[in-house]
């Protein structure tokens, strides 16, 4: 009798646990119906990155891609956006929004400028800026570098990039 009560108690515990977890809201990956093609302001952890699947903690370094039908994908790191977009058939016609570091506004990702040494959520190093600065790259270059693995997660590439910047800053020996 005692064993039966323990088993029944355990089963009830498991059922309650699953019901509790099922009630929690899960981050969304895609938003439908954004036919206005405008950036979607969101709360932390409301969406997860379509590339790496991490919950998006902040707008800083984030981006959005919108298809012609209004389907919107979210990214926690513009590097994730670049790599993901490169594999999509609609990449040329997609609307791209990025949140900028300098003005903290949503801007057209194709017109933004990208720093290459930022401390981004996934460590790729690309941060969007509305205003151009020294050493920044354009959108297409950022996407190409992501596809080729030329970002700060690649230690060899990061070392070469740092050496190149150091030579420009201090002159070669």
Protein backbone atom coordinates (compact mmCIF):
# COMPACT_ATOMS: atom_id res chain seq x y z
CA UNK A 1 0.00 0.00 0.00
CA UNK A 2 2.83 2.39 0.89
CA UNK A 3 4.60 1.71 -2.46
CA UNK A 4 1.37 2.42 -4.37
CA UNK A 5 0.98 5.80 -2.63
CA UNK A 6 4.60 6.69 -3.45
CA UNK A 7 4.08 5.78 -7.12
CA UNK A 8 0.80 7.73 -7.30
CA UNK A 9 2.46 10.71 -5.59
CA UNK A 10 5.36 10.62 -8.06
CA UNK A 11 2.98 10.44 -11.03
CA UNK A 12 1.00 13.43 -9.69
CA UNK A 13 4.23 15.37 -9.23
CA UNK A 14 5.29 14.71 -12.84
CA UNK A 15 1.85 15.68 -14.18
CA UNK A 16 1.82 18.94 -12.18
CA UNK A 17 5.37 19.71 -13.34
CA UNK A 18 4.45 19.27 -17.02
CA UNK A 19 1.29 21.34 -16.65
CA UNK A 20 3.25 24.13 -14.97
CA UNK A 21 5.85 24.20 -17.74
CA UNK A 22 3.18 24.14 -20.44
CA UNK A 23 1.60 27.34 -19.06
CA UNK A 24 4.77 29.42 -19.43
CA UNK A 25 4.96 31.54 -22.59
CA UNK A 26 7.65 30.39 -24.98
CA UNK A 27 9.62 32.83 -27.12
CA UNK A 28 8.35 33.21 -30.66
CA UNK A 29 10.60 32.62 -33.64
CA UNK A 30 8.52 34.19 -36.41
CA UNK A 31 5.86 36.89 -36.49
CA UNK A 32 3.23 36.75 -39.23
CA UNK A 33 1.36 39.65 -40.83
CA UNK A 34 3.93 42.46 -40.72
CA UNK A 35 2.85 43.64 -44.16
CA UNK A 36 3.88 47.22 -43.35
CA UNK A 37 7.49 45.91 -43.36
CA UNK A 38 8.30 47.99 -40.26
CA UNK A 39 10.62 46.94 -37.42
CA UNK A 40 8.84 45.28 -34.53
CA UNK A 41 9.65 46.63 -31.08
CA UNK A 42 9.77 43.73 -28.66
CA UNK A 43 10.29 42.90 -25.00
CA UNK A 44 13.31 40.91 -23.81
CA UNK A 45 12.87 37.17 -24.28
CA UNK A 46 9.65 37.61 -26.30
CA UNK A 47 11.39 36.26 -29.41
CA UNK A 48 14.24 33.91 -30.06
CA UNK A 49 16.92 34.17 -32.69
CA UNK A 50 15.99 32.39 -35.92
CA UNK A 51 19.63 31.35 -36.45
CA UNK A 52 21.05 30.35 -33.06
CA UNK A 53 17.72 29.88 -31.20
CA UNK A 54 18.83 31.97 -28.20
CA UNK A 55 16.19 34.16 -26.52
CA UNK A 56 16.73 37.78 -27.53
CA UNK A 57 17.68 39.63 -24.35
CA UNK A 58 18.01 43.14 -25.76
CA UNK A 59 17.50 45.24 -28.89
CA UNK A 60 21.21 46.12 -28.83
CA UNK A 61 22.92 44.17 -31.64
CA UNK A 62 19.57 42.73 -32.79
CA UNK A 63 18.04 42.65 -36.24
CA UNK A 64 14.93 41.64 -38.14
CA UNK A 65 14.30 40.27 -41.62
CA UNK A 66 10.89 40.71 -43.23
CA UNK A 67 9.67 38.84 -46.30
CA UNK A 68 7.26 40.37 -48.83
CA UNK A 69 4.33 38.53 -47.21
CA UNK A 70 5.06 40.14 -43.82
CA UNK A 71 6.71 37.13 -42.22
CA UNK A 72 9.27 38.52 -39.75
CA UNK A 73 12.30 36.71 -38.31
CA UNK A 74 14.28 37.99 -35.32
CA UNK A 75 18.01 37.82 -34.52
CA UNK A 76 19.98 38.49 -31.34
CA UNK A 77 23.19 39.27 -33.24
CA UNK A 78 23.55 40.86 -36.68
CA UNK A 79 26.09 38.13 -37.46
CA UNK A 80 23.31 35.56 -37.01
CA UNK A 81 21.11 37.67 -39.30
CA UNK A 82 23.82 37.80 -41.98
CA UNK A 83 24.53 34.08 -41.96
CA UNK A 84 20.82 33.18 -41.94
CA UNK A 85 19.87 35.64 -44.68
CA UNK A 86 22.66 34.37 -46.98
CA UNK A 87 20.88 31.01 -47.15
CA UNK A 88 17.43 32.37 -48.04
CA UNK A 89 15.99 32.44 -51.57
CA UNK A 90 14.37 35.83 -50.91
CA UNK A 91 17.54 37.47 -49.51
CA UNK A 92 17.68 40.18 -52.21
CA UNK A 93 14.07 41.27 -51.76
CA UNK A 94 13.91 41.01 -47.96
CA UNK A 95 13.57 44.10 -45.80
CA UNK A 96 16.34 44.19 -43.18
CA UNK A 97 16.24 46.23 -39.98
CA UNK A 98 19.02 46.52 -37.42
CA UNK A 99 19.14 48.37 -34.11
CA UNK A 100 22.12 50.72 -34.11
CA UNK A 101 24.65 51.18 -31.34
CA UNK A 102 25.22 54.89 -31.92
CA UNK A 103 21.64 56.15 -32.28
CA UNK A 104 19.75 53.23 -30.72
CA UNK A 105 17.25 53.37 -33.58
CA UNK A 106 16.04 50.83 -36.11
CA UNK A 107 17.64 51.56 -39.48
CA UNK A 108 17.73 49.84 -42.86
CA UNK A 109 20.29 47.09 -42.35
CA UNK A 110 21.53 47.38 -45.92
CA UNK A 111 22.41 51.05 -45.36
CA UNK A 112 23.94 50.62 -41.89
CA UNK A 113 27.67 50.53 -41.22
CA UNK A 114 29.19 47.70 -39.21
CA UNK A 115 31.93 47.78 -36.63
CA UNK A 116 33.96 44.58 -36.52
CA UNK A 117 35.19 44.50 -32.89
CA UNK A 118 31.95 44.70 -30.91
CA UNK A 119 31.16 42.46 -27.94
CA UNK A 120 28.03 40.89 -29.45
CA UNK A 121 25.76 38.21 -27.95
CA UNK A 122 27.18 35.42 -30.12
CA UNK A 123 30.68 36.88 -30.28
CA UNK A 124 30.77 37.53 -34.04
CA UNK A 125 31.86 41.13 -33.48
CA UNK A 126 29.61 42.95 -35.95
CA UNK A 127 27.67 45.88 -34.52
CA UNK A 128 25.41 48.14 -36.57
CA UNK A 129 25.88 51.91 -36.67
CA UNK A 130 23.81 54.56 -38.38
CA UNK A 131 26.81 56.83 -38.88
CA UNK A 132 29.96 55.65 -40.61
CA UNK A 133 33.23 55.48 -38.71
CA UNK A 134 36.79 54.37 -39.35
CA UNK A 135 37.28 50.68 -40.06
CA UNK A 136 33.59 49.96 -40.58
CA UNK A 137 32.25 47.70 -43.31
CA UNK A 138 29.02 47.66 -45.30
CA UNK A 139 26.17 45.14 -45.07
CA UNK A 140 27.25 42.95 -48.00
CA UNK A 141 30.79 42.67 -46.64
CA UNK A 142 29.44 41.71 -43.21
CA UNK A 143 27.27 38.97 -44.75
CA UNK A 144 30.16 37.69 -46.87
CA UNK A 145 32.44 37.55 -43.84
CA UNK A 146 29.83 35.60 -41.88
CA UNK A 147 29.45 33.09 -44.72
CA UNK A 148 33.24 32.67 -44.94
CA UNK A 149 33.63 32.40 -41.16
CA UNK A 150 35.60 35.64 -40.98
CA UNK A 151 34.40 36.91 -37.63
CA UNK A 152 35.66 37.11 -34.06
CA UNK A 153 34.64 33.53 -33.25
CA UNK A 154 37.39 32.41 -35.63
CA UNK A 155 40.53 32.90 -33.52
CA UNK A 156 42.95 32.94 -36.46
CA UNK A 157 40.88 35.52 -38.31
CA UNK A 158 40.41 37.64 -35.16
CA UNK A 159 44.18 37.65 -34.58
CA UNK A 160 44.90 38.73 -38.17
CA UNK A 161 42.26 41.44 -37.96
CA UNK A 162 43.67 42.77 -34.69
CA UNK A 163 47.20 42.79 -36.12
CA UNK A 164 45.98 44.64 -39.20
CA UNK A 165 44.30 47.31 -37.08
CA UNK A 166 47.38 47.61 -34.88
CA UNK A 167 49.64 48.15 -37.92
CA UNK A 168 47.32 50.86 -39.25
CA UNK A 169 47.19 52.57 -35.85
CA UNK A 170 50.89 52.47 -35.02
CA UNK A 171 52.54 52.00 -38.42
CA UNK A 172 54.55 48.94 -39.34
CA UNK A 173 57.93 48.30 -37.73
